[in-house]
Amino acid sequence: MYQHHCLSNGIRLIHRHTDSQVAHCALMINAGSRDENLDEQGLAHFIEHLLFKGTRKRKAFQIMSHMENVGGEINAFTSKEDTCIYGSFMHTYYRRWFDILSDITFNAVFPEKEMGKEKDIIIDEINSYLDSPAEQIFDDFDEIVFNSHPLGRNILGTPDSIRLFDGDSIRNYILRNYVTEEMLICSVGRIPFKDLITLAEEYFGAAPHKVRPATRASFDGYRPAQKVVKRQNHQAHCMLGNQADGLNNQRKTALSLLNNMLGGPGLNARLNMSVREKHGLCYNIESIYQPYSDAGVISIYFGTDSAAIDKTLTLIHKELKLLREKKIGSLQLKRAKTQLIGQLAISFESNLNEMLFNGKNHLYFNQTETPEDISRRIEAVTTYDLQEIANDVFNPSTMSMLLFKP
């Protein structure tokens, strides 16, 4: 499905041709909050905001208008492991897109005035997030699981860390991490691949070849912990979970299937059926498997009345015990596989979703996958695989818990 090319400076390029009028194209950089030093918390996300605030030849409003004037969209996000700038536009505007993309990547000037404004905006974003315990608890739980490792840090940073950033902070982070060997351009759209290569060479080929000077610190040393935090909330919010396998582990597919059965988006997920539908104890309960390149976390979140915490936890542990001790029947396993394959097919119906998924895959592991590839891996999962993993990640003695209690 995808065509591959590598520029002489190490920047990779992948593309899938479609007949759609709408194209999607992104620059993905293998650098995120994980790559910050201890005094840089929130810097990767701060830089992502500032890339749009001015270059050597464009002001902020010119950057925003460049694609929007032709009906396109430009956006970006920062995760713990990568930064992505992406656009959606009519396929005739590929050159316009490459022009703005290369400009903000290599020519951003980070004006002092814009830095000041953006600090206020991000601090307001942090405060807004702190007002939402249902969001904050996810990051606080990561801090418990990953302890002092960079994967446990909040992507947004703190008001104190944000206030200390300056031009030197930004340049030092970019110098270390925005290197060509860690960059990938991914595209889905109606353009011949040879023309895409020409554009990539023209707008990105002159960047000097660079390799990241240091490797990432791997995560080990997980220690289960239990923590209760008093909060002035109406509801209690709780997370429990464990460390899990990363994207580089073959068990990731079985883990995804197990997680989907337990508390995925389907209304027939075990936790939803037991805790919400049968007992009416909470509005929202879900399980989440979040894999990173070399590590991961699997967790369960719920919000409920403080009087129902113990009963809800009892029901959750009952479901986890069933997964550990009782083999899943062949018919139930078949239904679970069919459900997950169907959900993935719907997700891949969006060319943007598919491009970002395969962009990340290629960025980390130099490989792309079709829906058929993923379906084959799902079909290969056995009852034994699921029970083995359940006994590993849902072992009560190794699970952590965080409770925001009114």
Protein backbone atom coordinates (compact mmCIF):
# COMPACT_ATOMS: atom_id res chain seq x y z
CA MET A 1 0.00 0.00 0.00
CA TYR A 2 2.75 2.47 0.93
CA GLN A 3 5.72 3.59 -1.14
CA HIS A 4 8.96 4.40 0.67
CA HIS A 5 11.88 6.73 0.06
CA CYS A 6 14.70 8.16 2.16
CA LEU A 7 16.34 11.50 1.44
CA SER A 8 20.13 11.66 1.54
CA ASN A 9 19.95 13.50 4.88
CA GLY A 10 18.00 10.66 6.55
CA ILE A 11 14.46 12.09 6.41
CA ARG A 12 12.10 9.27 5.49
CA LEU A 13 9.08 9.58 3.21
CA ILE A 14 6.08 7.23 2.93
CA HIS A 15 3.05 7.68 0.69
CA ARG A 16 -0.14 5.92 -0.26
CA HIS A 17 -1.89 7.03 -3.43
CA THR A 18 -5.64 7.60 -3.33
CA ASP A 19 -8.18 9.01 -5.77
CA SER A 20 -9.69 11.31 -3.15
CA GLN A 21 -9.86 15.05 -3.74
CA VAL A 22 -8.59 15.53 -0.18
CA ALA A 23 -4.95 14.83 0.75
CA HIS A 24 -3.38 14.44 4.18
CA CYS A 25 0.30 14.98 4.89
CA ALA A 26 2.30 15.18 8.10
CA LEU A 27 5.78 15.67 9.43
CA MET A 28 6.37 13.37 12.38
CA ILE A 29 9.38 13.90 14.64
CA ASN A 30 10.47 11.18 17.03
CA ALA A 31 10.73 13.65 19.92
CA GLY A 32 8.28 14.43 22.69
CA SER A 33 8.03 15.05 26.42
CA ARG A 34 10.03 11.87 27.05
CA ASP A 35 13.05 13.60 25.56
CA GLU A 36 12.98 16.59 27.90
CA ASN A 37 15.56 17.11 30.61
CA LEU A 38 14.34 17.37 34.18
CA ASP A 39 14.19 21.18 34.02
CA GLU A 40 12.40 21.14 30.64
CA GLN A 41 9.02 19.66 31.59
CA GLY A 42 6.43 20.93 29.11
CA LEU A 43 9.01 22.27 26.65
CA ALA A 44 8.20 19.91 23.74
CA HIS A 45 4.54 20.98 23.85
CA PHE A 46 5.53 24.65 24.26
CA ILE A 47 7.70 24.46 21.13
CA GLU A 48 4.86 22.86 19.16
CA HIS A 49 2.69 25.91 19.96
CA LEU A 50 5.43 28.38 19.04
CA LEU A 51 6.19 26.85 15.65
CA PHE A 52 3.05 28.61 14.38
CA LYS A 53 3.95 32.03 15.84
CA GLY A 54 6.33 33.33 13.23
CA THR A 55 9.19 32.44 10.88
CA ARG A 56 11.89 34.43 9.13
CA LYS A 57 9.45 35.28 6.34
CA ARG A 58 5.95 34.89 7.85
CA LYS A 59 4.03 36.33 10.77
CA ALA A 60 1.66 34.19 12.83
CA PHE A 61 -1.49 35.23 10.94
CA GLN A 62 0.22 34.46 7.62
CA ILE A 63 1.06 30.95 8.82
CA MET A 64 -2.52 30.31 9.92
CA SER A 65 -3.94 31.73 6.70
CA HIS A 66 -1.58 29.95 4.32
CA MET A 67 -3.61 26.74 4.14
CA GLU A 68 -6.94 28.07 5.40
CA ASN A 69 -7.12 30.51 2.48
CA VAL A 70 -7.48 27.49 0.17
CA GLY A 71 -9.84 25.59 2.48
CA GLY A 72 -7.15 23.49 4.09
CA GLU A 73 -6.47 22.75 7.74
CA ILE A 74 -3.20 22.77 9.66
CA ASN A 75 -2.77 21.30 13.12
CA ALA A 76 -0.24 19.71 15.45
CA PHE A 77 0.06 17.63 18.57
CA THR A 78 2.72 16.58 21.05
CA SER A 79 2.79 13.19 22.75
CA LYS A 80 5.25 11.63 25.16
CA GLU A 81 7.30 10.28 22.26
CA ASP A 82 6.60 12.33 19.16
CA THR A 83 5.63 15.71 17.73
CA CYS A 84 3.42 15.85 14.67
CA ILE A 85 2.49 18.73 12.33
CA TYR A 86 -0.20 17.69 9.89
CA GLY A 87 -2.49 19.16 7.28
CA SER A 88 -5.55 18.25 5.23
CA PHE A 89 -6.10 20.03 1.91
CA MET A 90 -7.23 19.68 -1.68
CA HIS A 91 -4.70 17.48 -3.47
CA THR A 92 -3.72 20.31 -5.83
CA TYR A 93 -2.04 22.19 -2.95
CA TYR A 94 0.79 19.82 -2.06
CA ARG A 95 3.43 22.41 -2.97
CA ARG A 96 1.74 25.04 -0.82
CA TRP A 97 1.70 22.56 2.07
CA PHE A 98 5.38 21.65 1.75
CA ASP A 99 6.26 25.35 1.61
CA ILE A 100 4.60 26.15 4.96
CA LEU A 101 5.62 22.86 6.60
CA SER A 102 9.32 23.31 5.90
CA ASP A 103 9.15 27.00 6.88
CA ILE A 104 7.75 26.41 10.38
CA THR A 105 10.02 23.39 10.93
CA PHE A 106 13.33 25.01 10.02
CA ASN A 107 12.74 28.79 10.11
CA ALA A 108 10.65 29.43 13.23
CA VAL A 109 12.00 32.45 15.14
CA PHE A 110 10.11 32.15 18.47
CA PRO A 111 9.39 35.86 19.04
CA GLU A 112 9.68 37.03 22.67
CA LYS A 113 6.25 38.67 22.60
CA GLU A 114 4.61 35.51 21.27
CA MET A 115 6.46 33.43 23.87
CA GLY A 116 4.95 35.52 26.63
CA LYS A 117 1.43 35.19 25.26
CA GLU A 118 1.79 31.46 24.68
CA LYS A 119 3.03 30.92 28.23
CA ASP A 120 -0.17 32.50 29.53
CA ILE A 121 -2.27 30.37 27.19
CA ILE A 122 -0.57 27.10 28.22
CA ILE A 123 -0.74 27.96 31.92
CA ASP A 124 -4.46 28.57 31.44
CA GLU A 125 -4.65 25.19 29.67
CA ILE A 126 -2.90 23.55 32.64
CA ASN A 127 -5.27 25.20 35.14
CA SER A 128 -8.27 24.13 33.08
CA TYR A 129 -7.00 20.58 33.07
CA LEU A 130 -6.38 20.67 36.85
CA ASP A 131 -10.04 21.62 37.26
CA SER A 132 -11.00 18.33 35.58
CA PRO A 133 -10.14 15.40 37.88
CA ALA A 134 -11.35 12.92 35.24
CA GLU A 135 -8.48 14.13 33.03
CA GLN A 136 -5.84 14.87 35.65
CA ILE A 137 -6.02 11.41 37.19
CA PHE A 138 -4.66 9.82 33.99
CA ASP A 139 -1.41 11.79 34.17
CA ASP A 140 -1.13 11.38 37.91
CA PHE A 141 -1.51 7.62 37.50
CA ASP A 142 1.29 7.60 34.91
CA GLU A 143 3.49 9.29 37.52
CA ILE A 144 2.81 6.37 39.87
CA VAL A 145 3.45 3.66 37.26
CA PHE A 146 6.55 5.22 35.69
CA ASN A 147 7.75 6.85 38.90
CA SER A 148 10.68 9.20 38.18
CA HIS A 149 11.09 8.09 34.55
CA PRO A 150 10.39 10.73 31.84
CA LEU A 151 7.37 8.70 30.63
CA GLY A 152 5.69 9.60 33.93
CA ARG A 153 5.85 13.34 33.36
CA ASN A 154 2.90 15.48 32.37
CA ILE A 155 3.15 16.61 28.72
CA LEU A 156 1.88 20.12 29.52
CA GLY A 157 4.43 20.79 32.25
CA THR A 158 3.75 22.99 35.26
CA PRO A 159 3.15 26.75 35.53
CA ASP A 160 6.57 27.11 37.19
CA SER A 161 8.41 25.18 34.49
CA ILE A 162 6.62 27.04 31.68
CA ARG A 163 7.55 30.45 33.09
CA LEU A 164 11.28 29.60 32.99
CA PHE A 165 11.46 28.78 29.27
CA ASP A 166 13.33 31.14 26.97
CA GLY A 167 14.88 31.15 23.52
CA ASP A 168 17.92 29.20 24.69
CA SER A 169 15.71 26.46 26.20
CA ILE A 170 13.91 26.08 22.89
CA ARG A 171 17.03 26.05 20.76
CA ASN A 172 18.76 23.50 22.99
CA TYR A 173 15.82 21.09 22.81
CA ILE A 174 15.50 21.46 19.03
CA LEU A 175 19.26 21.03 18.54
CA ARG A 176 19.16 17.73 20.44
CA ASN A 177 15.93 16.30 19.08
CA TYR A 178 14.79 17.82 15.76
CA VAL A 179 17.29 15.76 13.81
CA THR A 180 16.79 14.41 10.30
CA GLU A 181 17.29 10.77 11.26
CA GLU A 182 14.22 11.09 13.53
CA MET A 183 11.95 12.78 10.95
CA LEU A 184 9.32 11.22 8.73
CA ILE A 185 7.02 12.75 6.13
CA CYS A 186 3.88 10.67 5.64
CA SER A 187 1.24 11.29 2.99
CA VAL A 188 -2.04 9.93 1.70
CA GLY A 189 -3.36 11.64 -1.40
CA ARG A 190 -3.66 12.00 -5.13
CA ILE A 191 -0.11 12.76 -6.21
CA PRO A 192 2.44 10.59 -8.07
CA PHE A 193 5.12 9.39 -5.69
CA LYS A 194 7.90 10.76 -7.89
CA ASP A 195 6.35 14.25 -7.62
CA LEU A 196 6.14 13.89 -3.84
CA ILE A 197 9.82 12.93 -3.71
CA THR A 198 10.66 16.01 -5.80
CA LEU A 199 8.80 18.26 -3.34
CA ALA A 200 10.45 16.59 -0.36
CA GLU A 201 13.90 17.04 -1.90
CA GLU A 202 13.16 20.69 -2.72
CA TYR A 203 11.82 21.71 0.68
CA PHE A 204 13.54 19.28 3.07
CA GLY A 205 16.60 17.99 1.22
CA ALA A 206 18.86 20.87 2.20
CA ALA A 207 18.57 20.18 5.94
CA PRO A 208 21.92 18.84 7.17
CA HIS A 209 22.08 15.19 8.13
CA LYS A 210 21.90 14.83 11.93
CA VAL A 211 21.61 11.96 14.39
CA ARG A 212 20.27 12.27 17.94
CA PRO A 213 23.34 12.51 20.22
CA ALA A 214 21.91 10.34 23.03
CA THR A 215 19.63 7.33 23.26
CA ARG A 216 16.45 7.32 25.34
CA ALA A 217 16.53 5.88 28.82
CA SER A 218 14.52 2.66 28.90
CA PHE A 219 12.01 2.09 31.71
CA ASP A 220 12.45 -0.52 34.40
CA GLY A 221 11.99 -0.78 38.13
CA TYR A 222 8.19 -0.64 38.34
CA ARG A 223 6.93 -0.78 41.92
CA PRO A 224 3.18 -1.07 42.65
CA ALA A 225 1.75 1.71 44.81
CA GLN A 226 -1.57 2.70 46.35
CA LYS A 227 -2.42 6.37 46.80
CA VAL A 228 -5.51 8.23 48.05
CA VAL A 229 -5.81 11.98 47.43
CA LYS A 230 -8.47 14.12 49.08
CA ARG A 231 -10.20 16.36 46.52
CA GLN A 232 -13.09 18.79 46.71
CA ASN A 233 -15.10 16.96 44.07
CA HIS A 234 -18.65 15.72 43.97
CA GLN A 235 -17.55 12.38 42.53
CA ALA A 236 -14.79 9.99 43.43
CA HIS A 237 -12.37 9.22 40.59
CA CYS A 238 -10.24 6.08 40.56
CA MET A 239 -7.63 4.38 38.41
CA LEU A 240 -6.02 1.01 38.89
CA GLY A 241 -3.62 -0.80 36.62
CA ASN A 242 -0.14 -2.05 35.90
CA GLN A 243 2.84 -1.67 33.64
CA ALA A 244 2.35 -3.40 30.28
CA ASP A 245 4.17 -4.27 27.07
CA GLY A 246 5.21 -1.63 24.57
CA LEU A 247 4.76 -1.43 20.81
CA ASN A 248 7.96 -3.42 20.31
CA ASN A 249 6.48 -6.50 22.02
CA GLN A 250 4.59 -9.22 20.15
CA ARG A 251 2.02 -9.38 22.96
CA LYS A 252 0.67 -5.92 22.07
CA THR A 253 -2.07 -7.39 19.85
CA ALA A 254 -3.32 -9.79 22.50
CA LEU A 255 -3.17 -6.98 25.07
CA SER A 256 -5.26 -4.76 22.80
CA LEU A 257 -7.83 -7.54 22.38
CA LEU A 258 -7.96 -8.23 26.12
CA ASN A 259 -8.36 -4.53 26.88
CA ASN A 260 -11.14 -4.17 24.31
CA MET A 261 -13.06 -7.04 25.85
CA LEU A 262 -12.63 -5.69 29.36
CA GLY A 263 -13.44 -2.01 28.96
CA GLY A 264 -13.19 -0.89 25.36
CA PRO A 265 -15.56 1.52 23.61
CA GLY A 266 -18.22 -1.14 22.94
CA LEU A 267 -21.25 -0.98 25.22
CA ASN A 268 -20.95 -4.76 25.61
CA ALA A 269 -17.52 -4.50 27.29
CA ARG A 270 -17.39 -6.53 30.49
CA LEU A 271 -16.89 -3.63 32.87
CA ASN A 272 -19.66 -1.57 31.31
CA MET A 273 -22.09 -4.47 31.41
CA SER A 274 -21.32 -5.33 35.04
CA VAL A 275 -20.69 -2.01 36.76
CA ARG A 276 -22.93 0.33 34.79
CA GLU A 277 -25.67 -1.71 33.14
CA LYS A 278 -26.26 -4.34 35.81
CA HIS A 279 -25.54 -2.38 39.00
CA GLY A 280 -25.89 1.26 37.91
CA LEU A 281 -22.85 2.39 39.90
CA CYS A 282 -21.23 4.81 37.48
CA TYR A 283 -21.72 6.72 34.27
CA ASN A 284 -18.22 6.19 32.90
CA ILE A 285 -16.01 3.15 33.29
CA GLU A 286 -13.35 2.09 30.82
CA SER A 287 -10.04 0.32 30.46
CA ILE A 288 -7.13 1.79 28.53
CA TYR A 289 -4.04 0.16 27.07
CA GLN A 290 -1.45 2.82 26.27
CA PRO A 291 1.66 1.40 24.62
CA TYR A 292 4.77 3.47 24.02
CA SER A 293 7.67 2.35 21.84
CA ASP A 294 9.32 0.21 24.53
CA ALA A 295 6.95 0.24 27.51
CA GLY A 296 3.27 0.61 28.29
CA VAL A 297 0.54 0.88 30.89
CA ILE A 298 -2.86 -0.80 31.16
CA SER A 299 -5.40 0.82 33.45
CA ILE A 300 -9.05 1.00 34.44
CA TYR A 301 -10.77 4.31 35.15
CA PHE A 302 -14.13 4.97 36.76
CA GLY A 303 -15.97 7.84 38.40
CA THR A 304 -18.66 7.15 40.98
CA ASP A 305 -20.30 8.35 44.18
CA SER A 306 -17.93 8.04 47.14
CA ALA A 307 -20.33 5.61 48.83
CA ALA A 308 -20.00 3.21 45.86
CA ILE A 309 -16.19 3.04 45.62
CA ASP A 310 -15.75 -0.25 47.48
CA LYS A 311 -18.58 -2.01 45.66
CA THR A 312 -17.29 -0.81 42.28
CA LEU A 313 -13.77 -2.02 43.06
CA THR A 314 -15.16 -5.38 44.17
CA LEU A 315 -17.00 -5.80 40.86
CA ILE A 316 -13.90 -4.80 38.88
CA HIS A 317 -11.69 -7.29 40.70
CA LYS A 318 -14.34 -9.95 40.12
CA GLU A 319 -14.08 -9.39 36.35
CA LEU A 320 -10.28 -9.41 36.50
CA LYS A 321 -10.32 -12.67 38.45
CA LEU A 322 -12.54 -14.26 35.81
CA LEU A 323 -10.08 -13.25 33.10
CA ARG A 324 -7.21 -14.73 35.10
CA GLU A 325 -8.87 -18.00 36.10
CA LYS A 326 -11.48 -18.86 33.48
CA LYS A 327 -10.56 -19.55 29.87
CA ILE A 328 -12.54 -17.59 27.32
CA GLY A 329 -14.76 -19.81 25.21
CA SER A 330 -14.15 -20.18 21.49
CA LEU A 331 -17.41 -18.45 20.53
CA GLN A 332 -16.72 -15.51 22.85
CA LEU A 333 -13.16 -15.24 21.51
CA LYS A 334 -14.46 -15.21 17.92
CA ARG A 335 -16.93 -12.43 18.76
CA ALA A 336 -14.21 -10.39 20.48
CA LYS A 337 -11.91 -10.69 17.47
CA THR A 338 -14.69 -9.76 15.04
CA GLN A 339 -15.55 -6.72 17.13
CA LEU A 340 -11.98 -5.41 17.30
CA ILE A 341 -11.38 -6.02 13.59
CA GLY A 342 -14.57 -4.11 12.80
CA GLN A 343 -13.58 -1.18 15.02
CA LEU A 344 -10.19 -0.99 13.33
CA ALA A 345 -11.80 -1.09 9.88
CA ILE A 346 -13.98 1.90 10.82
CA SER A 347 -10.95 3.77 12.15
CA PHE A 348 -8.98 3.06 8.96
CA GLU A 349 -11.88 4.38 6.89
CA SER A 350 -10.43 7.79 7.75
CA ASN A 351 -7.37 8.37 5.59
CA LEU A 352 -6.04 10.78 8.20
CA ASN A 353 -6.28 8.21 11.01
CA GLU A 354 -4.62 5.57 8.86
CA MET A 355 -1.82 7.90 7.81
CA LEU A 356 -1.04 8.90 11.40
CA PHE A 357 -1.12 5.26 12.54
CA ASN A 358 1.29 4.10 9.86
CA GLY A 359 3.39 7.23 10.19
CA LYS A 360 4.04 6.37 13.84
CA ASN A 361 4.71 2.72 12.95
CA HIS A 362 7.29 3.70 10.36
CA LEU A 363 8.80 6.40 12.57
CA TYR A 364 9.51 3.88 15.33
CA PHE A 365 10.02 0.60 13.49
CA ASN A 366 10.43 1.34 9.77
CA GLN A 367 7.34 -0.63 8.84
CA THR A 368 3.77 0.00 7.74
CA GLU A 369 0.74 -2.24 8.20
CA THR A 370 -2.46 -2.78 6.27
CA PRO A 371 -5.78 -3.56 7.98
CA GLU A 372 -5.31 -7.12 6.71
CA ASP A 373 -1.94 -7.39 8.48
CA ILE A 374 -3.49 -6.30 11.78
CA SER A 375 -6.49 -8.59 11.29
CA ARG A 376 -4.19 -11.58 10.81
CA ARG A 377 -2.42 -10.77 14.06
CA ILE A 378 -5.74 -10.48 15.89
CA GLU A 379 -6.96 -13.79 14.46
CA ALA A 380 -3.77 -15.47 15.68
CA VAL A 381 -4.44 -14.61 19.35
CA THR A 382 -5.40 -17.67 21.41
CA THR A 383 -7.35 -18.21 24.62
CA TYR A 384 -4.06 -19.20 26.24
CA ASP A 385 -2.48 -15.87 25.20
CA LEU A 386 -5.28 -13.86 26.82
CA GLN A 387 -5.25 -15.83 30.07
CA GLU A 388 -1.47 -15.65 30.34
CA ILE A 389 -1.49 -11.88 29.87
CA ALA A 390 -4.41 -11.44 32.28
CA ASN A 391 -2.46 -13.28 34.98
CA ASP A 392 0.48 -11.02 34.30
CA VAL A 393 -1.04 -7.53 34.14
CA PHE A 394 -4.05 -8.11 36.42
CA ASN A 395 -2.16 -9.78 39.24
CA PRO A 396 -3.58 -8.04 42.35
CA SER A 397 -0.17 -8.01 44.06
CA THR A 398 1.43 -5.97 41.26
CA MET A 399 -1.38 -3.54 40.45
CA SER A 400 -1.30 0.12 41.46
CA MET A 401 -4.23 2.32 42.41
CA LEU A 402 -4.89 6.06 42.58
CA LEU A 403 -8.08 7.40 44.16
CA PHE A 404 -9.33 10.99 44.17
CA LYS A 405 -11.71 10.87 47.12
CA PRO A 406 -14.13 13.68 48.08
